[in-house]
Amino acid sequence: MSREEQFLKEFEAWVDSQLVINEMAMTESRRAVEEDKDERAADAYIRYESKLDAYRFIKGKFENYAAGKDFHDLPDGLFGQRHY
């Protein structure tokens, strides 16, 4: 395995771990907001959600790479989807 391939493999694994971590943190922040009415948790929820969006974007780039697409190609099925 080349140095570049090793780097991409490790970077993708790191992005995957960040997706899991930020998803859990976002869930816990939401729980704290609902149960404790903690305003700091509301701010944290927004930060975790923003990070999660960024990591999902990067993950989409890895999926494009694995599918043989160019970097700037949009993921399949992006148009017509709504996420709230």
C-alpha atoms as a PDB file:
ATOM      1  CA  MET A   1       0.000   0.000   0.000  1.00  0.00           C
ATOM      2  CA  SER A   2       1.391   3.383  -0.991  1.00  0.00           C
ATOM      3  CA  ARG A   3       1.826   6.223   1.444  1.00  0.00           C
ATOM      4  CA  GLU A   4      -1.116   8.086  -0.118  1.00  0.00           C
ATOM      5  CA  GLU A   5      -3.398   5.059   0.104  1.00  0.00           C
ATOM      6  CA  GLN A   6      -2.454   4.550   3.747  1.00  0.00           C
ATOM      7  CA  PHE A   7      -3.125   8.212   4.489  1.00  0.00           C
ATOM      8  CA  LEU A   8      -6.552   8.105   2.815  1.00  0.00           C
ATOM      9  CA  LYS A   9      -7.463   4.905   4.644  1.00  0.00           C
ATOM     10  CA  GLU A  10      -6.513   6.363   8.025  1.00  0.00           C
ATOM     11  CA  PHE A  11      -8.164   9.693   7.281  1.00  0.00           C
ATOM     12  CA  GLU A  12     -11.421   7.991   6.283  1.00  0.00           C
ATOM     13  CA  ALA A  13     -11.330   5.917   9.489  1.00  0.00           C
ATOM     14  CA  TRP A  14     -10.813   9.120  11.486  1.00  0.00           C
ATOM     15  CA  VAL A  15     -13.761  10.812   9.729  1.00  0.00           C
ATOM     16  CA  ASP A  16     -15.915   7.762  10.500  1.00  0.00           C
ATOM     17  CA  SER A  17     -14.978   7.980  14.184  1.00  0.00           C
ATOM     18  CA  GLN A  18     -15.763  11.706  14.226  1.00  0.00           C
ATOM     19  CA  LEU A  19     -19.198  10.980  12.758  1.00  0.00           C
ATOM     20  CA  VAL A  20     -19.939   8.578  15.607  1.00  0.00           C
ATOM     21  CA  ILE A  21     -18.532  10.871  18.307  1.00  0.00           C
ATOM     22  CA  ASN A  22     -20.379  13.970  17.118  1.00  0.00           C
ATOM     23  CA  GLU A  23     -23.634  12.052  16.644  1.00  0.00           C
ATOM     24  CA  MET A  24     -23.454  10.848  20.264  1.00  0.00           C
ATOM     25  CA  ALA A  25     -22.502  14.311  21.526  1.00  0.00           C
ATOM     26  CA  MET A  26     -25.351  15.893  19.603  1.00  0.00           C
ATOM     27  CA  THR A  27     -27.820  13.372  21.041  1.00  0.00           C
ATOM     28  CA  GLU A  28     -26.605  14.025  24.589  1.00  0.00           C
ATOM     29  CA  SER A  29     -26.743  17.788  24.071  1.00  0.00           C
ATOM     30  CA  ARG A  30     -30.320  17.490  22.834  1.00  0.00           C
ATOM     31  CA  ARG A  31     -31.192  15.415  25.895  1.00  0.00           C
ATOM     32  CA  ALA A  32     -29.643  18.031  28.191  1.00  0.00           C
ATOM     33  CA  VAL A  33     -31.599  20.786  26.482  1.00  0.00           C
ATOM     34  CA  GLU A  34     -34.897  18.911  26.778  1.00  0.00           C
ATOM     35  CA  GLU A  35     -34.425  17.654  30.337  1.00  0.00           C
ATOM     36  CA  ASP A  36     -32.380  20.395  31.989  1.00  0.00           C
ATOM     37  CA  LYS A  37     -33.246  23.416  29.817  1.00  0.00           C
ATOM     38  CA  ASP A  38     -29.505  24.123  29.706  1.00  0.00           C
ATOM     39  CA  GLU A  39     -28.701  26.966  27.280  1.00  0.00           C
ATOM     40  CA  ARG A  40     -25.050  25.893  27.048  1.00  0.00           C
ATOM     41  CA  ALA A  41     -26.239  22.503  25.830  1.00  0.00           C
ATOM     42  CA  ALA A  42     -28.326  24.242  23.162  1.00  0.00           C
ATOM     43  CA  ASP A  43     -25.208  26.027  21.911  1.00  0.00           C
ATOM     44  CA  ALA A  44     -23.248  22.777  22.024  1.00  0.00           C
ATOM     45  CA  TYR A  45     -25.985  21.014  20.052  1.00  0.00           C
ATOM     46  CA  ILE A  46     -25.631  23.555  17.238  1.00  0.00           C
ATOM     47  CA  ARG A  47     -21.838  23.180  17.184  1.00  0.00           C
ATOM     48  CA  TYR A  48     -22.030  19.370  17.083  1.00  0.00           C
ATOM     49  CA  GLU A  49     -24.656  19.491  14.352  1.00  0.00           C
ATOM     50  CA  SER A  50     -22.433  21.796  12.273  1.00  0.00           C
ATOM     51  CA  LYS A  51     -19.438  19.516  12.726  1.00  0.00           C
ATOM     52  CA  LEU A  52     -21.551  16.508  11.811  1.00  0.00           C
ATOM     53  CA  ASP A  53     -22.625  18.199   8.574  1.00  0.00           C
ATOM     54  CA  ALA A  54     -18.988  18.888   7.694  1.00  0.00           C
ATOM     55  CA  TYR A  55     -17.890  15.309   8.421  1.00  0.00           C
ATOM     56  CA  ARG A  56     -20.800  13.958   6.350  1.00  0.00           C
ATOM     57  CA  PHE A  57     -19.664  16.178   3.477  1.00  0.00           C
ATOM     58  CA  ILE A  58     -16.127  14.788   3.722  1.00  0.00           C
ATOM     59  CA  LYS A  59     -17.493  11.243   3.934  1.00  0.00           C
ATOM     60  CA  GLY A  60     -19.377  11.929   0.688  1.00  0.00           C
ATOM     61  CA  LYS A  61     -16.066  12.847  -0.947  1.00  0.00           C
ATOM     62  CA  PHE A  62     -14.614   9.505   0.128  1.00  0.00           C
ATOM     63  CA  GLU A  63     -17.653   7.748  -1.330  1.00  0.00           C
ATOM     64  CA  ASN A  64     -17.109   9.618  -4.618  1.00  0.00           C
ATOM     65  CA  TYR A  65     -13.470   8.553  -4.608  1.00  0.00           C
ATOM     66  CA  ALA A  66     -14.393   4.910  -4.016  1.00  0.00           C
ATOM     67  CA  ALA A  67     -16.942   5.100  -6.856  1.00  0.00           C
ATOM     68  CA  GLY A  68     -14.339   6.523  -9.244  1.00  0.00           C
ATOM     69  CA  LYS A  69     -15.963   9.952  -9.414  1.00  0.00           C
ATOM     70  CA  ASP A  70     -14.231  13.310  -9.483  1.00  0.00           C
ATOM     71  CA  PHE A  71     -13.761  15.327  -6.317  1.00  0.00           C
ATOM     72  CA  HIS A  72     -16.331  17.968  -7.274  1.00  0.00           C
ATOM     73  CA  ASP A  73     -19.043  15.517  -8.365  1.00  0.00           C
ATOM     74  CA  LEU A  74     -22.125  15.564  -6.194  1.00  0.00           C
ATOM     75  CA  PRO A  75     -23.143  12.383  -4.362  1.00  0.00           C
ATOM     76  CA  ASP A  76     -25.833  10.294  -6.059  1.00  0.00           C
ATOM     77  CA  GLY A  77     -29.380  11.228  -5.128  1.00  0.00           C
ATOM     78  CA  LEU A  78     -28.441  14.573  -3.578  1.00  0.00           C
ATOM     79  CA  PHE A  79     -31.028  16.549  -5.475  1.00  0.00           C
ATOM     80  CA  GLY A  80     -34.583  16.044  -4.335  1.00  0.00           C
ATOM     81  CA  GLN A  81     -33.576  15.150  -0.775  1.00  0.00           C
ATOM     82  CA  ARG A  82     -34.550  17.234   2.198  1.00  0.00           C
ATOM     83  CA  HIS A  83     -32.987  16.935   5.632  1.00  0.00           C
ATOM     84  CA  TYR A  84     -34.564  18.733   8.547  1.00  0.00           C
END
